[in-house]
């Protein structure tokens, strides 16, 4: 009898937690409508950060553990992280560090500076996040090369 009560309470708790997930989907584009083709969207509140992969077509689906399963209700600040391309040298022994090209303006990489916020209380499937390209001064970053004494 006691084990049935514990089982019932556990099932009720799991059901309640599962019902708290809210579907959040959208697309990340540049002002001209071109999709951002890589990176992650991060929804951050005071205690948690939930991320979703940005697909080739710019779409994303938020999830607590995996894409698309939803996130808890709440007020979120949003950042776009990992939106960059890496190009490695032909000879990795001479230079194992990539040249990095940022795809979006730096301000979008932090929820404190992006200016993007959403109040998630019900299913949202049409979020449109518009990001700006990087300025010429922030577009490329060269990583350091190996000292000549370490090159072969």
N, C-alpha and C. Protein backbone atom coordinates (compact mmCIF):
# COMPACT_ATOMS: atom_id res chain seq x y z
N UNK A 1 0.82 -1.19 0.00
CA UNK A 1 0.00 0.00 0.00
C UNK A 1 0.87 1.26 0.00
N UNK A 2 1.90 1.24 0.87
CA UNK A 2 2.79 2.39 0.96
C UNK A 2 3.54 2.60 -0.36
N UNK A 3 3.98 1.51 -0.99
CA UNK A 3 4.70 1.62 -2.25
C UNK A 3 3.79 2.16 -3.36
N UNK A 4 2.50 1.82 -3.32
CA UNK A 4 1.57 2.36 -4.32
C UNK A 4 1.40 3.86 -4.13
N UNK A 5 1.36 4.32 -2.90
CA UNK A 5 1.23 5.74 -2.62
C UNK A 5 2.48 6.49 -3.11
N UNK A 6 3.66 5.96 -2.85
CA UNK A 6 4.90 6.58 -3.29
C UNK A 6 4.94 6.62 -4.82
N UNK A 7 4.57 5.50 -5.45
CA UNK A 7 4.54 5.44 -6.91
C UNK A 7 3.56 6.48 -7.48
N UNK A 8 2.39 6.58 -6.90
CA UNK A 8 1.39 7.54 -7.36
C UNK A 8 1.88 8.98 -7.23
N UNK A 9 2.54 9.28 -6.11
CA UNK A 9 3.07 10.62 -5.91
C UNK A 9 4.19 10.93 -6.92
N UNK A 10 5.03 9.94 -7.17
CA UNK A 10 6.10 10.12 -8.16
C UNK A 10 5.52 10.38 -9.55
N UNK A 11 4.52 9.63 -9.93
CA UNK A 11 3.90 9.81 -11.24
C UNK A 11 3.25 11.19 -11.35
N UNK A 12 2.61 11.63 -10.28
CA UNK A 12 1.98 12.95 -10.27
C UNK A 12 3.04 14.04 -10.42
N UNK A 13 4.17 13.89 -9.73
CA UNK A 13 5.25 14.85 -9.82
C UNK A 13 5.83 14.89 -11.24
N UNK A 14 6.07 13.73 -11.83
CA UNK A 14 6.59 13.68 -13.20
C UNK A 14 5.62 14.31 -14.19
N UNK A 15 4.33 14.06 -14.01
CA UNK A 15 3.32 14.64 -14.89
C UNK A 15 3.32 16.16 -14.75
N UNK A 16 3.40 16.65 -13.52
CA UNK A 16 3.37 18.09 -13.28
C UNK A 16 4.60 18.77 -13.88
N UNK A 17 5.77 18.17 -13.73
CA UNK A 17 6.99 18.74 -14.30
C UNK A 17 6.93 18.73 -15.82
N UNK A 18 6.47 17.65 -16.41
CA UNK A 18 6.38 17.54 -17.86
C UNK A 18 5.40 18.53 -18.46
N UNK A 19 4.34 18.84 -17.74
CA UNK A 19 3.34 19.78 -18.24
C UNK A 19 3.82 21.22 -18.21
N UNK A 20 4.91 21.49 -17.49
CA UNK A 20 5.41 22.84 -17.38
C UNK A 20 6.25 23.29 -18.55
N UNK A 21 6.47 22.42 -19.52
CA UNK A 21 7.30 22.76 -20.67
C UNK A 21 6.47 23.51 -21.70
N UNK A 22 7.00 24.63 -22.16
CA UNK A 22 6.30 25.43 -23.16
C UNK A 22 7.11 25.41 -24.45
N UNK A 23 6.44 25.09 -25.52
CA UNK A 23 7.09 25.02 -26.84
C UNK A 23 7.47 26.42 -27.31
N UNK A 24 8.74 26.58 -27.65
CA UNK A 24 9.25 27.87 -28.14
C UNK A 24 10.06 27.58 -29.39
N UNK A 25 9.63 28.14 -30.52
CA UNK A 25 10.30 27.93 -31.80
C UNK A 25 10.43 29.26 -32.52
N UNK A 26 11.40 29.34 -33.40
CA UNK A 26 11.54 30.57 -34.17
C UNK A 26 12.62 30.48 -35.21
N UNK A 27 13.05 31.65 -35.65
CA UNK A 27 14.04 31.74 -36.72
C UNK A 27 14.94 32.94 -36.43
N UNK A 28 16.22 32.79 -36.78
CA UNK A 28 17.19 33.87 -36.63
C UNK A 28 17.63 34.29 -38.03
N UNK A 29 17.47 35.58 -38.32
CA UNK A 29 17.84 36.09 -39.65
C UNK A 29 18.59 37.41 -39.52
N UNK A 30 19.16 37.80 -40.64
CA UNK A 30 19.75 39.13 -40.78
C UNK A 30 18.64 40.06 -41.28
N UNK A 31 18.85 41.38 -41.23
CA UNK A 31 17.79 42.31 -41.66
C UNK A 31 17.26 42.07 -43.08
N UNK A 32 18.11 41.51 -43.98
CA UNK A 32 17.66 41.27 -45.35
C UNK A 32 16.89 39.95 -45.50
N UNK A 33 16.70 39.23 -44.39
CA UNK A 33 15.96 37.96 -44.42
C UNK A 33 16.82 36.73 -44.57
N UNK A 34 18.11 36.90 -44.82
CA UNK A 34 19.03 35.77 -44.92
C UNK A 34 19.12 35.08 -43.55
N UNK A 35 18.95 33.75 -43.50
CA UNK A 35 19.02 33.07 -42.21
C UNK A 35 20.44 32.98 -41.66
N UNK A 36 20.57 33.08 -40.33
CA UNK A 36 21.83 32.76 -39.68
C UNK A 36 21.90 31.24 -39.70
N UNK A 37 22.97 30.67 -40.24
CA UNK A 37 23.00 29.24 -40.52
C UNK A 37 23.70 28.39 -39.46
N UNK A 38 24.20 29.00 -38.39
CA UNK A 38 24.86 28.21 -37.35
C UNK A 38 24.89 28.99 -36.04
N UNK A 39 25.17 28.26 -34.97
CA UNK A 39 25.22 28.85 -33.64
C UNK A 39 24.14 28.26 -32.76
N UNK A 40 23.90 28.91 -31.64
CA UNK A 40 22.87 28.48 -30.70
C UNK A 40 22.11 29.71 -30.21
N UNK A 41 20.83 29.52 -29.94
CA UNK A 41 20.02 30.53 -29.28
C UNK A 41 20.01 30.16 -27.80
N UNK A 42 20.29 31.12 -26.94
CA UNK A 42 20.29 30.88 -25.49
C UNK A 42 19.23 31.75 -24.82
N UNK A 43 18.29 31.11 -24.13
CA UNK A 43 17.29 31.80 -23.32
C UNK A 43 17.76 31.72 -21.88
N UNK A 44 17.97 32.86 -21.23
CA UNK A 44 18.52 32.90 -19.88
C UNK A 44 17.58 33.62 -18.93
N UNK A 45 17.34 33.00 -17.77
CA UNK A 45 16.63 33.70 -16.69
C UNK A 45 17.60 33.83 -15.53
N UNK A 46 17.12 34.15 -14.35
CA UNK A 46 17.99 34.36 -13.20
C UNK A 46 18.76 33.10 -12.79
N UNK A 47 18.20 31.92 -13.08
CA UNK A 47 18.79 30.67 -12.58
C UNK A 47 19.23 29.70 -13.67
N UNK A 48 18.69 29.81 -14.87
CA UNK A 48 18.93 28.79 -15.89
C UNK A 48 19.29 29.40 -17.24
N UNK A 49 19.95 28.58 -18.04
CA UNK A 49 20.17 28.90 -19.44
C UNK A 49 19.74 27.70 -20.26
N UNK A 50 18.85 27.93 -21.22
CA UNK A 50 18.37 26.89 -22.12
C UNK A 50 18.84 27.25 -23.52
N UNK A 51 19.39 26.25 -24.23
CA UNK A 51 19.91 26.53 -25.56
C UNK A 51 19.27 25.64 -26.61
N UNK A 52 19.31 26.12 -27.84
CA UNK A 52 18.83 25.34 -28.99
C UNK A 52 19.77 25.60 -30.15
N UNK A 53 20.05 24.56 -30.90
CA UNK A 53 20.87 24.68 -32.10
C UNK A 53 20.13 25.47 -33.17
N UNK A 54 20.87 26.31 -33.87
CA UNK A 54 20.31 27.01 -35.03
C UNK A 54 20.61 26.13 -36.24
N UNK A 55 19.57 25.79 -36.98
CA UNK A 55 19.73 24.94 -38.16
C UNK A 55 20.16 25.77 -39.37
N UNK A 56 20.50 25.08 -40.45
CA UNK A 56 20.95 25.75 -41.69
C UNK A 56 19.96 26.80 -42.19
N UNK A 57 18.66 26.55 -41.98
CA UNK A 57 17.64 27.49 -42.46
C UNK A 57 17.32 28.59 -41.44
N UNK A 58 18.09 28.64 -40.35
CA UNK A 58 17.91 29.68 -39.32
C UNK A 58 16.91 29.34 -38.23
N UNK A 59 16.24 28.20 -38.34
CA UNK A 59 15.21 27.86 -37.36
C UNK A 59 15.83 27.23 -36.11
N UNK A 60 15.08 27.33 -35.00
CA UNK A 60 15.49 26.71 -33.75
C UNK A 60 14.24 26.26 -32.98
N UNK A 61 14.44 25.29 -32.09
CA UNK A 61 13.37 24.78 -31.21
C UNK A 61 13.97 24.59 -29.83
N UNK A 62 13.47 25.35 -28.87
CA UNK A 62 14.03 25.34 -27.51
C UNK A 62 13.68 24.04 -26.79
N UNK A 63 14.60 23.64 -25.89
CA UNK A 63 14.36 22.46 -25.07
C UNK A 63 15.24 22.48 -23.84
N UNK A 64 14.76 21.88 -22.75
CA UNK A 64 15.56 21.82 -21.53
C UNK A 64 16.72 20.85 -21.68
N UNK A 65 16.47 19.70 -22.29
CA UNK A 65 17.51 18.70 -22.48
C UNK A 65 17.81 18.51 -23.95
N UNK A 66 16.77 18.44 -24.77
CA UNK A 66 16.98 18.30 -26.20
C UNK A 66 16.09 19.28 -26.95
N UNK A 67 16.49 19.60 -28.17
CA UNK A 67 15.75 20.56 -28.98
C UNK A 67 14.28 20.17 -29.09
N UNK A 68 13.41 21.15 -28.94
CA UNK A 68 12.01 20.95 -29.22
C UNK A 68 11.13 20.51 -28.07
N UNK A 69 11.70 20.14 -26.93
CA UNK A 69 10.84 19.65 -25.85
C UNK A 69 10.26 20.76 -24.99
N UNK A 70 10.69 22.00 -25.18
CA UNK A 70 10.10 23.12 -24.47
C UNK A 70 10.93 23.56 -23.27
N UNK A 71 10.53 24.71 -22.71
CA UNK A 71 11.20 25.27 -21.54
C UNK A 71 10.14 25.74 -20.55
N UNK A 72 10.51 25.95 -19.28
CA UNK A 72 9.53 26.43 -18.30
C UNK A 72 9.07 27.85 -18.60
N UNK A 73 7.90 28.20 -18.13
CA UNK A 73 7.40 29.56 -18.27
C UNK A 73 8.33 30.51 -17.54
N UNK A 74 8.45 31.72 -18.04
CA UNK A 74 9.27 32.71 -17.38
C UNK A 74 9.68 33.83 -18.30
N UNK A 75 10.41 34.78 -17.73
CA UNK A 75 10.92 35.91 -18.51
C UNK A 75 12.38 35.62 -18.84
N UNK A 76 12.73 35.70 -20.11
CA UNK A 76 14.07 35.33 -20.56
C UNK A 76 14.74 36.45 -21.35
N UNK A 77 16.03 36.59 -21.10
CA UNK A 77 16.88 37.41 -21.96
C UNK A 77 17.54 36.45 -22.93
N UNK A 78 17.81 36.91 -24.14
CA UNK A 78 18.27 36.02 -25.21
C UNK A 78 19.64 36.44 -25.73
N UNK A 79 20.46 35.43 -26.02
CA UNK A 79 21.76 35.65 -26.65
C UNK A 79 21.92 34.65 -27.79
N UNK A 80 22.77 34.97 -28.73
CA UNK A 80 23.13 34.06 -29.82
C UNK A 80 24.61 33.72 -29.61
N UNK A 81 24.91 32.45 -29.41
CA UNK A 81 26.28 32.06 -29.11
C UNK A 81 26.82 31.11 -30.19
N UNK A 82 28.12 31.13 -30.35
CA UNK A 82 28.78 30.22 -31.29
C UNK A 82 28.52 30.49 -32.75
N UNK A 83 28.11 31.71 -33.08
CA UNK A 83 27.84 32.04 -34.48
C UNK A 83 29.14 32.51 -35.13
N UNK A 84 29.96 31.54 -35.50
CA UNK A 84 31.25 31.87 -36.11
C UNK A 84 31.70 30.75 -37.03
N UNK A 85 32.57 31.11 -37.95
CA UNK A 85 33.22 30.14 -38.83
C UNK A 85 34.68 30.07 -38.45
N UNK A 86 35.25 28.87 -38.52
CA UNK A 86 36.66 28.67 -38.22
C UNK A 86 37.35 28.14 -39.47
N UNK A 87 38.47 28.75 -39.82
CA UNK A 87 39.25 28.28 -40.96
C UNK A 87 40.64 27.94 -40.46
N UNK A 88 41.02 26.68 -40.66
CA UNK A 88 42.33 26.23 -40.22
C UNK A 88 43.34 26.32 -41.37
N UNK A 89 44.59 26.53 -40.99
CA UNK A 89 45.68 26.58 -41.98
C UNK A 89 45.85 25.20 -42.62
N UNK A 90 46.41 25.19 -43.82
CA UNK A 90 46.66 23.92 -44.51
C UNK A 90 47.65 23.05 -43.75
N UNK A 91 48.62 23.68 -43.10
CA UNK A 91 49.63 22.94 -42.36
C UNK A 91 49.40 23.17 -40.86
N UNK A 92 48.72 22.24 -40.24
CA UNK A 92 48.38 22.40 -38.82
C UNK A 92 49.60 22.32 -37.91
N UNK A 93 50.68 21.72 -38.37
CA UNK A 93 51.89 21.68 -37.56
C UNK A 93 52.52 23.07 -37.45
N UNK A 94 52.38 23.85 -38.50
CA UNK A 94 52.92 25.22 -38.47
C UNK A 94 51.99 26.17 -37.73
N UNK A 95 50.69 25.95 -37.89
CA UNK A 95 49.74 26.84 -37.22
C UNK A 95 48.45 26.08 -36.91
N UNK A 96 48.31 25.54 -35.69
CA UNK A 96 47.12 24.77 -35.34
C UNK A 96 45.92 25.62 -34.94
N UNK A 97 46.10 26.94 -34.90
CA UNK A 97 45.03 27.81 -34.46
C UNK A 97 44.22 28.32 -35.66
N UNK A 98 42.89 28.36 -35.52
CA UNK A 98 42.06 28.79 -36.66
C UNK A 98 41.96 30.31 -36.77
N UNK A 99 41.61 30.74 -37.96
CA UNK A 99 41.18 32.13 -38.15
C UNK A 99 39.68 32.11 -37.93
N UNK A 100 39.20 32.96 -37.07
CA UNK A 100 37.77 32.96 -36.72
C UNK A 100 37.09 34.14 -37.40
N UNK A 101 35.95 33.87 -38.04
CA UNK A 101 35.13 34.91 -38.63
C UNK A 101 33.80 34.92 -37.89
N UNK A 102 33.52 36.03 -37.23
CA UNK A 102 32.25 36.15 -36.51
C UNK A 102 31.14 36.47 -37.51
N UNK A 103 30.00 35.84 -37.33
CA UNK A 103 28.90 36.00 -38.27
C UNK A 103 27.91 37.08 -37.87
N UNK A 104 27.93 37.46 -36.58
CA UNK A 104 26.98 38.46 -36.09
C UNK A 104 27.72 39.50 -35.24
N UNK A 105 27.06 40.65 -35.02
CA UNK A 105 27.64 41.69 -34.18
C UNK A 105 27.83 41.17 -32.76
N UNK A 106 28.90 41.60 -32.13
CA UNK A 106 29.29 41.11 -30.80
C UNK A 106 28.19 41.30 -29.75
N UNK A 107 27.41 42.35 -29.86
CA UNK A 107 26.40 42.63 -28.83
C UNK A 107 25.39 41.49 -28.67
N UNK A 108 25.18 40.68 -29.71
CA UNK A 108 24.19 39.60 -29.64
C UNK A 108 24.72 38.37 -28.89
N UNK A 109 26.02 38.34 -28.59
CA UNK A 109 26.59 37.16 -27.94
C UNK A 109 26.40 37.16 -26.42
N UNK A 110 25.78 38.18 -25.89
CA UNK A 110 25.49 38.23 -24.45
C UNK A 110 24.04 38.66 -24.23
N UNK A 111 23.38 37.99 -23.30
CA UNK A 111 22.00 38.35 -22.99
C UNK A 111 21.92 39.73 -22.33
N UNK A 112 23.04 40.20 -21.80
CA UNK A 112 23.07 41.52 -21.15
C UNK A 112 23.11 42.65 -22.17
N UNK A 113 23.60 42.37 -23.38
CA UNK A 113 23.76 43.43 -24.37
C UNK A 113 22.92 43.25 -25.64
N UNK A 114 22.29 42.09 -25.80
CA UNK A 114 21.57 41.82 -27.05
C UNK A 114 20.31 42.67 -27.20
N UNK A 115 19.69 43.02 -26.08
CA UNK A 115 18.44 43.77 -26.14
C UNK A 115 17.23 42.92 -26.50
N UNK A 116 17.39 41.60 -26.52
CA UNK A 116 16.30 40.70 -26.90
C UNK A 116 15.76 40.02 -25.64
N UNK A 117 14.45 40.14 -25.42
CA UNK A 117 13.80 39.53 -24.27
C UNK A 117 12.45 38.95 -24.69
N UNK A 118 12.08 37.85 -24.05
CA UNK A 118 10.77 37.23 -24.30
C UNK A 118 10.15 36.80 -22.99
N UNK A 119 8.85 37.01 -22.87
CA UNK A 119 8.08 36.54 -21.74
C UNK A 119 7.35 35.28 -22.22
N UNK A 120 7.82 34.13 -21.78
CA UNK A 120 7.27 32.85 -22.24
C UNK A 120 6.21 32.39 -21.25
N UNK A 121 4.96 32.47 -21.65
CA UNK A 121 3.85 32.02 -20.81
C UNK A 121 2.99 30.98 -21.52
N UNK A 122 3.05 30.99 -22.84
CA UNK A 122 2.30 30.01 -23.64
C UNK A 122 3.12 29.69 -24.89
N UNK A 123 2.67 28.70 -25.62
CA UNK A 123 3.36 28.23 -26.83
C UNK A 123 3.65 29.39 -27.78
N UNK A 124 4.92 29.48 -28.21
CA UNK A 124 5.34 30.50 -29.18
C UNK A 124 6.07 29.78 -30.30
N UNK A 125 5.53 29.86 -31.51
CA UNK A 125 6.18 29.17 -32.63
C UNK A 125 6.59 30.12 -33.76
N UNK A 126 6.51 31.41 -33.50
CA UNK A 126 6.82 32.35 -34.59
C UNK A 126 7.80 33.45 -34.18
N UNK A 127 8.71 33.14 -33.26
CA UNK A 127 9.70 34.13 -32.86
C UNK A 127 10.60 34.44 -34.05
N UNK A 128 10.83 35.70 -34.30
CA UNK A 128 11.76 36.12 -35.33
C UNK A 128 12.83 36.98 -34.65
N UNK A 129 14.03 36.48 -34.61
CA UNK A 129 15.15 37.21 -34.02
C UNK A 129 15.98 37.75 -35.18
N UNK A 130 16.10 39.06 -35.23
CA UNK A 130 16.87 39.69 -36.30
C UNK A 130 18.20 40.16 -35.71
N UNK A 131 19.28 39.64 -36.27
CA UNK A 131 20.63 40.01 -35.82
C UNK A 131 21.32 40.83 -36.89
N UNK A 132 22.31 41.57 -36.48
CA UNK A 132 23.08 42.39 -37.40
C UNK A 132 24.41 41.72 -37.70
N UNK A 133 24.95 41.93 -38.89
CA UNK A 133 26.29 41.39 -39.18
C UNK A 133 27.33 42.13 -38.33
N UNK A 134 28.50 41.54 -38.18
CA UNK A 134 29.54 42.22 -37.40
C UNK A 134 30.07 43.44 -38.13
N UNK A 135 30.56 44.38 -37.35
CA UNK A 135 31.23 45.53 -37.97
C UNK A 135 32.57 45.03 -38.54
N UNK A 136 33.15 45.74 -39.48
CA UNK A 136 34.44 45.29 -40.05
C UNK A 136 35.51 45.08 -38.97
N UNK A 137 35.48 45.86 -37.91
CA UNK A 137 36.51 45.72 -36.87
C UNK A 137 36.32 44.47 -36.01
N UNK A 138 35.10 43.92 -35.96
CA UNK A 138 34.87 42.73 -35.13
C UNK A 138 34.66 41.46 -35.95
N UNK A 139 34.72 41.55 -37.27
CA UNK A 139 34.42 40.40 -38.11
C UNK A 139 35.44 39.27 -38.01
N UNK A 140 36.72 39.56 -38.13
CA UNK A 140 37.73 38.49 -38.13
C UNK A 140 38.65 38.62 -36.93
N UNK A 141 39.05 37.47 -36.45
CA UNK A 141 40.01 37.43 -35.34
C UNK A 141 41.03 36.36 -35.67
N UNK A 142 42.26 36.76 -35.73
CA UNK A 142 43.32 35.78 -35.98
C UNK A 142 43.82 35.26 -34.65
N UNK A 143 43.90 33.96 -34.56
CA UNK A 143 44.42 33.34 -33.36
C UNK A 143 45.95 33.39 -33.43
N UNK A 144 46.62 33.31 -32.31
CA UNK A 144 48.08 33.37 -32.32
C UNK A 144 48.69 32.18 -33.06
N UNK A 145 49.85 32.40 -33.62
CA UNK A 145 50.56 31.30 -34.28
C UNK A 145 51.58 30.72 -33.30
N UNK A 146 52.03 29.53 -33.60
CA UNK A 146 53.06 28.91 -32.76
C UNK A 146 54.38 29.68 -32.93
N UNK A 147 55.15 29.80 -31.88
CA UNK A 147 56.48 30.40 -32.02
C UNK A 147 57.31 29.59 -33.01
N UNK A 148 58.20 30.24 -33.75
CA UNK A 148 59.01 29.58 -34.77
C UNK A 148 59.81 28.41 -34.21
N UNK A 149 60.19 28.50 -32.95
CA UNK A 149 60.98 27.42 -32.34
C UNK A 149 60.18 26.13 -32.18
N UNK A 150 58.85 26.22 -32.16
CA UNK A 150 58.01 25.03 -32.02
C UNK A 150 57.53 24.47 -33.35
N UNK A 151 57.69 25.26 -34.41
CA UNK A 151 57.26 24.80 -35.74
C UNK A 151 58.27 23.80 -36.29
N UNK A 152 57.81 22.88 -37.09
CA UNK A 152 58.71 21.88 -37.70
C UNK A 152 58.94 22.20 -39.15
